[in-house]
Amino acid sequence: MTTPVDPKLLEILVCPITRGVLRYDSKAQELISESARLAYPIRDGIPILLPDEARPLDEDEKVKK
């Protein structure tokens, strides 16, 4: 079972690189920065907003709204 992320926290978090909006992917437990093309992991309900920990988005991972 995954630990949920506080919705109020999700409202204030931004991409550390672009300062852009992050989209929450609850299934993959990631925060997606479409502007930086990175997916930041969420571990035990804690977003890991370190660029070194983020994975690059694949070409087939198009912008999802």
PDB file of N, CA and C in Angstrom:
ATOM      1  N   MET A   1       0.834  -1.191   0.000  1.00  0.00           N
ATOM      2  CA  MET A   1       0.000   0.000   0.000  1.00  0.00           C
ATOM      3  C   MET A   1       0.875   1.250   0.000  1.00  0.00           C
ATOM      4  N   THR A   2       0.486   2.229  -0.796  1.00  0.00           N
ATOM      5  CA  THR A   2       1.256   3.462  -0.886  1.00  0.00           C
ATOM      6  C   THR A   2       0.721   4.493   0.096  1.00  0.00           C
ATOM      7  N   THR A   3       1.615   5.313   0.588  1.00  0.00           N
ATOM      8  CA  THR A   3       1.244   6.386   1.499  1.00  0.00           C
ATOM      9  C   THR A   3       0.748   7.565   0.680  1.00  0.00           C
ATOM     10  N   PRO A   4      -0.452   8.077   0.988  1.00  0.00           N
ATOM     11  CA  PRO A   4      -0.968   9.206   0.203  1.00  0.00           C
ATOM     12  C   PRO A   4      -0.177  10.483   0.444  1.00  0.00           C
ATOM     13  N   VAL A   5      -0.179  11.333  -0.559  1.00  0.00           N
ATOM     14  CA  VAL A   5       0.480  12.633  -0.467  1.00  0.00           C
ATOM     15  C   VAL A   5      -0.569  13.660  -0.046  1.00  0.00           C
ATOM     16  N   ASP A   6      -0.211  14.518   0.877  1.00  0.00           N
ATOM     17  CA  ASP A   6      -1.119  15.551   1.365  1.00  0.00           C
ATOM     18  C   ASP A   6      -1.518  16.469   0.204  1.00  0.00           C
ATOM     19  N   PRO A   7      -2.818  16.582  -0.083  1.00  0.00           N
ATOM     20  CA  PRO A   7      -3.272  17.432  -1.198  1.00  0.00           C
ATOM     21  C   PRO A   7      -2.844  18.893  -1.052  1.00  0.00           C
ATOM     22  N   LYS A   8      -2.762  19.404   0.170  1.00  0.00           N
ATOM     23  CA  LYS A   8      -2.325  20.794   0.373  1.00  0.00           C
ATOM     24  C   LYS A   8      -0.855  20.957  -0.027  1.00  0.00           C
ATOM     25  N   LEU A   9      -0.063  19.930   0.208  1.00  0.00           N
ATOM     26  CA  LEU A   9       1.341  19.965  -0.193  1.00  0.00           C
ATOM     27  C   LEU A   9       1.449  19.998  -1.714  1.00  0.00           C
ATOM     28  N   LEU A  10       0.622  19.202  -2.386  1.00  0.00           N
ATOM     29  CA  LEU A  10       0.654  19.166  -3.852  1.00  0.00           C
ATOM     30  C   LEU A  10       0.321  20.523  -4.464  1.00  0.00           C
ATOM     31  N   GLU A  11      -0.506  21.290  -3.777  1.00  0.00           N
ATOM     32  CA  GLU A  11      -0.894  22.612  -4.286  1.00  0.00           C
ATOM     33  C   GLU A  11       0.265  23.606  -4.305  1.00  0.00           C
ATOM     34  N   ILE A  12       1.236  23.441  -3.413  1.00  0.00           N
ATOM     35  CA  ILE A  12       2.307  24.443  -3.302  1.00  0.00           C
ATOM     36  C   ILE A  12       3.628  24.016  -3.937  1.00  0.00           C
ATOM     37  N   LEU A  13       3.762  22.726  -4.248  1.00  0.00           N
ATOM     38  CA  LEU A  13       5.025  22.258  -4.830  1.00  0.00           C
ATOM     39  C   LEU A  13       5.161  22.692  -6.285  1.00  0.00           C
ATOM     40  N   VAL A  14       6.388  23.020  -6.670  1.00  0.00           N
ATOM     41  CA  VAL A  14       6.710  23.358  -8.056  1.00  0.00           C
ATOM     42  C   VAL A  14       7.982  22.618  -8.451  1.00  0.00           C
ATOM     43  N   CYS A  15       8.218  22.524  -9.732  1.00  0.00           N
ATOM     44  CA  CYS A  15       9.450  21.904 -10.237  1.00  0.00           C
ATOM     45  C   CYS A  15      10.649  22.724  -9.766  1.00  0.00           C
ATOM     46  N   PRO A  16      11.656  22.079  -9.186  1.00  0.00           N
ATOM     47  CA  PRO A  16      12.821  22.827  -8.712  1.00  0.00           C
ATOM     48  C   PRO A  16      13.682  23.407  -9.838  1.00  0.00           C
ATOM     49  N   ILE A  17      13.492  22.917 -11.043  1.00  0.00           N
ATOM     50  CA  ILE A  17      14.285  23.412 -12.174  1.00  0.00           C
ATOM     51  C   ILE A  17      13.584  24.567 -12.881  1.00  0.00           C
ATOM     52  N   THR A  18      12.328  24.364 -13.237  1.00  0.00           N
ATOM     53  CA  THR A  18      11.608  25.357 -14.045  1.00  0.00           C
ATOM     54  C   THR A  18      10.665  26.239 -13.230  1.00  0.00           C
ATOM     55  N   ARG A  19      10.406  25.845 -11.981  1.00  0.00           N
ATOM     56  CA  ARG A  19       9.410  26.518 -11.126  1.00  0.00           C
ATOM     57  C   ARG A  19       8.002  26.383 -11.711  1.00  0.00           C
ATOM     58  N   GLY A  20       7.836  25.400 -12.592  1.00  0.00           N
ATOM     59  CA  GLY A  20       6.545  25.161 -13.221  1.00  0.00           C
ATOM     60  C   GLY A  20       5.672  24.220 -12.403  1.00  0.00           C
ATOM     61  N   VAL A  21       4.459  24.036 -12.876  1.00  0.00           N
ATOM     62  CA  VAL A  21       3.462  23.185 -12.233  1.00  0.00           C
ATOM     63  C   VAL A  21       3.886  21.720 -12.296  1.00  0.00           C
ATOM     64  N   LEU A  22       3.570  20.990 -11.227  1.00  0.00           N
ATOM     65  CA  LEU A  22       3.795  19.554 -11.190  1.00  0.00           C
ATOM     66  C   LEU A  22       2.450  18.841 -11.217  1.00  0.00           C
ATOM     67  N   ARG A  23       2.364  17.781 -12.011  1.00  0.00           N
ATOM     68  CA  ARG A  23       1.150  16.978 -12.098  1.00  0.00           C
ATOM     69  C   ARG A  23       1.370  15.693 -11.308  1.00  0.00           C
ATOM     70  N   TYR A  24       0.417  15.372 -10.438  1.00  0.00           N
ATOM     71  CA  TYR A  24       0.512  14.187  -9.591  1.00  0.00           C
ATOM     72  C   TYR A  24       0.011  12.957 -10.343  1.00  0.00           C
ATOM     73  N   ASP A  25       0.861  11.950 -10.456  1.00  0.00           N
ATOM     74  CA  ASP A  25       0.484  10.667 -11.049  1.00  0.00           C
ATOM     75  C   ASP A  25       0.409   9.664  -9.902  1.00  0.00           C
ATOM     76  N   SER A  26      -0.799   9.440  -9.393  1.00  0.00           N
ATOM     77  CA  SER A  26      -0.967   8.580  -8.220  1.00  0.00           C
ATOM     78  C   SER A  26      -0.641   7.118  -8.526  1.00  0.00           C
ATOM     79  N   LYS A  27      -0.891   6.689  -9.744  1.00  0.00           N
ATOM     80  CA  LYS A  27      -0.614   5.297 -10.112  1.00  0.00           C
ATOM     81  C   LYS A  27       0.887   5.013 -10.097  1.00  0.00           C
ATOM     82  N   ALA A  28       1.670   5.913 -10.680  1.00  0.00           N
ATOM     83  CA  ALA A  28       3.122   5.733 -10.738  1.00  0.00           C
ATOM     84  C   ALA A  28       3.835   6.297  -9.513  1.00  0.00           C
ATOM     85  N   GLN A  29       3.085   7.006  -8.643  1.00  0.00           N
ATOM     86  CA  GLN A  29       3.666   7.667  -7.482  1.00  0.00           C
ATOM     87  C   GLN A  29       4.826   8.585  -7.902  1.00  0.00           C
ATOM     88  N   GLU A  30       4.479   9.515  -8.792  1.00  0.00           N
ATOM     89  CA  GLU A  30       5.448  10.487  -9.301  1.00  0.00           C
ATOM     90  C   GLU A  30       4.794  11.850  -9.431  1.00  0.00           C
ATOM     91  N   LEU A  31       5.627  12.870  -9.391  1.00  0.00           N
ATOM     92  CA  LEU A  31       5.215  14.220  -9.734  1.00  0.00           C
ATOM     93  C   LEU A  31       5.859  14.539 -11.069  1.00  0.00           C
ATOM     94  N   ILE A  32       5.042  14.889 -12.044  1.00  0.00           N
ATOM     95  CA  ILE A  32       5.502  15.088 -13.414  1.00  0.00           C
ATOM     96  C   ILE A  32       5.680  16.575 -13.704  1.00  0.00           C
ATOM     97  N   SER A  33       6.878  16.928 -14.158  1.00  0.00           N
ATOM     98  CA  SER A  33       7.144  18.280 -14.645  1.00  0.00           C
ATOM     99  C   SER A  33       7.206  18.184 -16.163  1.00  0.00           C
ATOM    100  N   GLU A  34       6.132  18.622 -16.807  1.00  0.00           N
ATOM    101  CA  GLU A  34       6.101  18.543 -18.256  1.00  0.00           C
ATOM    102  C   GLU A  34       7.044  19.562 -18.883  1.00  0.00           C
ATOM    103  N   SER A  35       7.256  20.680 -18.220  1.00  0.00           N
ATOM    104  CA  SER A  35       8.160  21.699 -18.767  1.00  0.00           C
ATOM    105  C   SER A  35       9.618  21.238 -18.726  1.00  0.00           C
ATOM    106  N   ALA A  36      10.000  20.485 -17.696  1.00  0.00           N
ATOM    107  CA  ALA A  36      11.376  19.970 -17.601  1.00  0.00           C
ATOM    108  C   ALA A  36      11.500  18.565 -18.180  1.00  0.00           C
ATOM    109  N   ARG A  37      10.337  17.934 -18.516  1.00  0.00           N
ATOM    110  CA  ARG A  37      10.301  16.561 -19.034  1.00  0.00           C
ATOM    111  C   ARG A  37      10.934  15.583 -18.039  1.00  0.00           C
ATOM    112  N   LEU A  38      10.582  15.766 -16.732  1.00  0.00           N
ATOM    113  CA  LEU A  38      11.101  14.912 -15.674  1.00  0.00           C
ATOM    114  C   LEU A  38       9.957  14.396 -14.806  1.00  0.00           C
ATOM    115  N   ALA A  39      10.175  13.220 -14.215  1.00  0.00           N
ATOM    116  CA  ALA A  39       9.228  12.640 -13.260  1.00  0.00           C
ATOM    117  C   ALA A  39       9.960  12.452 -11.933  1.00  0.00           C
ATOM    118  N   TYR A  40       9.491  13.144 -10.913  1.00  0.00           N
ATOM    119  CA  TYR A  40      10.089  13.064  -9.589  1.00  0.00           C
ATOM    120  C   TYR A  40       9.383  11.977  -8.785  1.00  0.00           C
ATOM    121  N   PRO A  41      10.135  11.095  -8.135  1.00  0.00           N
ATOM    122  CA  PRO A  41       9.496   9.999  -7.394  1.00  0.00           C
ATOM    123  C   PRO A  41       8.871  10.483  -6.083  1.00  0.00           C
ATOM    124  N   ILE A  42       7.888   9.717  -5.626  1.00  0.00           N
ATOM    125  CA  ILE A  42       7.292   9.922  -4.316  1.00  0.00           C
ATOM    126  C   ILE A  42       7.546   8.640  -3.531  1.00  0.00           C
ATOM    127  N   ARG A  43       8.230   8.768  -2.398  1.00  0.00           N
ATOM    128  CA  ARG A  43       8.557   7.603  -1.574  1.00  0.00           C
ATOM    129  C   ARG A  43       7.943   7.770  -0.195  1.00  0.00           C
ATOM    130  N   ASP A  44       7.149   6.809   0.198  1.00  0.00           N
ATOM    131  CA  ASP A  44       6.474   6.840   1.502  1.00  0.00           C
ATOM    132  C   ASP A  44       5.707   8.136   1.715  1.00  0.00           C
ATOM    133  N   GLY A  45       5.080   8.635   0.646  1.00  0.00           N
ATOM    134  CA  GLY A  45       4.290   9.856   0.730  1.00  0.00           C
ATOM    135  C   GLY A  45       5.090  11.131   0.693  1.00  0.00           C
ATOM    136  N   ILE A  46       6.404  11.032   0.486  1.00  0.00           N
ATOM    137  CA  ILE A  46       7.290  12.198   0.471  1.00  0.00           C
ATOM    138  C   ILE A  46       7.816  12.426  -0.942  1.00  0.00           C
ATOM    139  N   PRO A  47       7.488  13.570  -1.552  1.00  0.00           N
ATOM    140  CA  PRO A  47       8.033  13.878  -2.878  1.00  0.00           C
ATOM    141  C   PRO A  47       9.545  14.124  -2.802  1.00  0.00           C
ATOM    142  N   ILE A  48      10.273  13.492  -3.684  1.00  0.00           N
ATOM    143  CA  ILE A  48      11.726  13.654  -3.751  1.00  0.00           C
ATOM    144  C   ILE A  48      12.014  14.593  -4.930  1.00  0.00           C
ATOM    145  N   LEU A  49      12.155  15.872  -4.628  1.00  0.00           N
ATOM    146  CA  LEU A  49      12.314  16.882  -5.680  1.00  0.00           C
ATOM    147  C   LEU A  49      13.782  17.210  -5.947  1.00  0.00           C
ATOM    148  N   LEU A  50      14.569  16.191  -6.097  1.00  0.00           N
ATOM    149  CA  LEU A  50      15.977  16.348  -6.437  1.00  0.00           C
ATOM    150  C   LEU A  50      16.163  15.983  -7.906  1.00  0.00           C
ATOM    151  N   PRO A  51      16.713  16.885  -8.705  1.00  0.00           N
ATOM    152  CA  PRO A  51      16.907  16.579 -10.125  1.00  0.00           C
ATOM    153  C   PRO A  51      17.677  15.277 -10.370  1.00  0.00           C
ATOM    154  N   ASP A  52      18.629  14.943  -9.497  1.00  0.00           N
ATOM    155  CA  ASP A  52      19.394  13.708  -9.664  1.00  0.00           C
ATOM    156  C   ASP A  52      18.543  12.459  -9.444  1.00  0.00           C
ATOM    157  N   GLU A  53      17.441  12.583  -8.719  1.00  0.00           N
ATOM    158  CA  GLU A  53      16.555  11.457  -8.446  1.00  0.00           C
ATOM    159  C   GLU A  53      15.444  11.322  -9.488  1.00  0.00           C
ATOM    160  N   ALA A  54      15.226  12.354 -10.275  1.00  0.00           N
ATOM    161  CA  ALA A  54      14.148  12.352 -11.272  1.00  0.00           C
ATOM    162  C   ALA A  54      14.532  11.497 -12.474  1.00  0.00           C
ATOM    163  N   ARG A  55      13.507  10.935 -13.097  1.00  0.00           N
ATOM    164  CA  ARG A  55      13.753  10.182 -14.329  1.00  0.00           C
ATOM    165  C   ARG A  55      13.252  11.006 -15.510  1.00  0.00           C
ATOM    166  N   PRO A  56      13.987  10.969 -16.612  1.00  0.00           N
ATOM    167  CA  PRO A  56      13.526  11.681 -17.808  1.00  0.00           C
ATOM    168  C   PRO A  56      12.265  11.019 -18.351  1.00  0.00           C
ATOM    169  N   LEU A  57      11.340  11.833 -18.844  1.00  0.00           N
ATOM    170  CA  LEU A  57      10.140  11.295 -19.467  1.00  0.00           C
ATOM    171  C   LEU A  57      10.481  10.747 -20.845  1.00  0.00           C
ATOM    172  N   ASP A  58       9.877   9.619 -21.177  1.00  0.00           N
ATOM    173  CA  ASP A  58      10.062   9.027 -22.502  1.00  0.00           C
ATOM    174  C   ASP A  58       9.329   9.861 -23.539  1.00  0.00           C
ATOM    175  N   GLU A  59       9.730   9.700 -24.781  1.00  0.00           N
ATOM    176  CA  GLU A  59       9.061  10.402 -25.881  1.00  0.00           C
ATOM    177  C   GLU A  59       7.598  10.040 -25.981  1.00  0.00           C
ATOM    178  N   ASP A  60       7.256   8.784 -25.650  1.00  0.00           N
ATOM    179  CA  ASP A  60       5.865   8.357 -25.760  1.00  0.00           C
ATOM    180  C   ASP A  60       5.002   8.815 -24.586  1.00  0.00           C
ATOM    181  N   GLU A  61       5.619   9.415 -23.575  1.00  0.00           N
ATOM    182  CA  GLU A  61       4.868   9.959 -22.442  1.00  0.00           C
ATOM    183  C   GLU A  61       4.482  11.392 -22.778  1.00  0.00           C
ATOM    184  N   LYS A  62       3.471  11.507 -23.593  1.00  0.00           N
ATOM    185  CA  LYS A  62       2.997  12.816 -24.041  1.00  0.00           C
ATOM    186  C   LYS A  62       2.336  13.576 -22.910  1.00  0.00           C
ATOM    187  N   VAL A  63       2.132  14.838 -23.131  1.00  0.00           N
ATOM    188  CA  VAL A  63       1.469  15.695 -22.147  1.00  0.00           C
ATOM    189  C   VAL A  63       0.070  15.161 -21.892  1.00  0.00           C
ATOM    190  N   LYS A  64      -0.225  14.906 -20.615  1.00  0.00           N
ATOM    191  CA  LYS A  64      -1.550  14.432 -20.212  1.00  0.00           C
ATOM    192  C   LYS A  64      -2.198  15.533 -19.392  1.00  0.00           C
ATOM    193  N   LYS A  65      -3.416  15.851 -19.716  1.00  0.00           N
ATOM    194  CA  LYS A  65      -4.119  16.914 -18.975  1.00  0.00           C
ATOM    195  C   LYS A  65      -5.224  16.320 -18.170  1.00  0.00           C
TER     196      LYS A  65
END
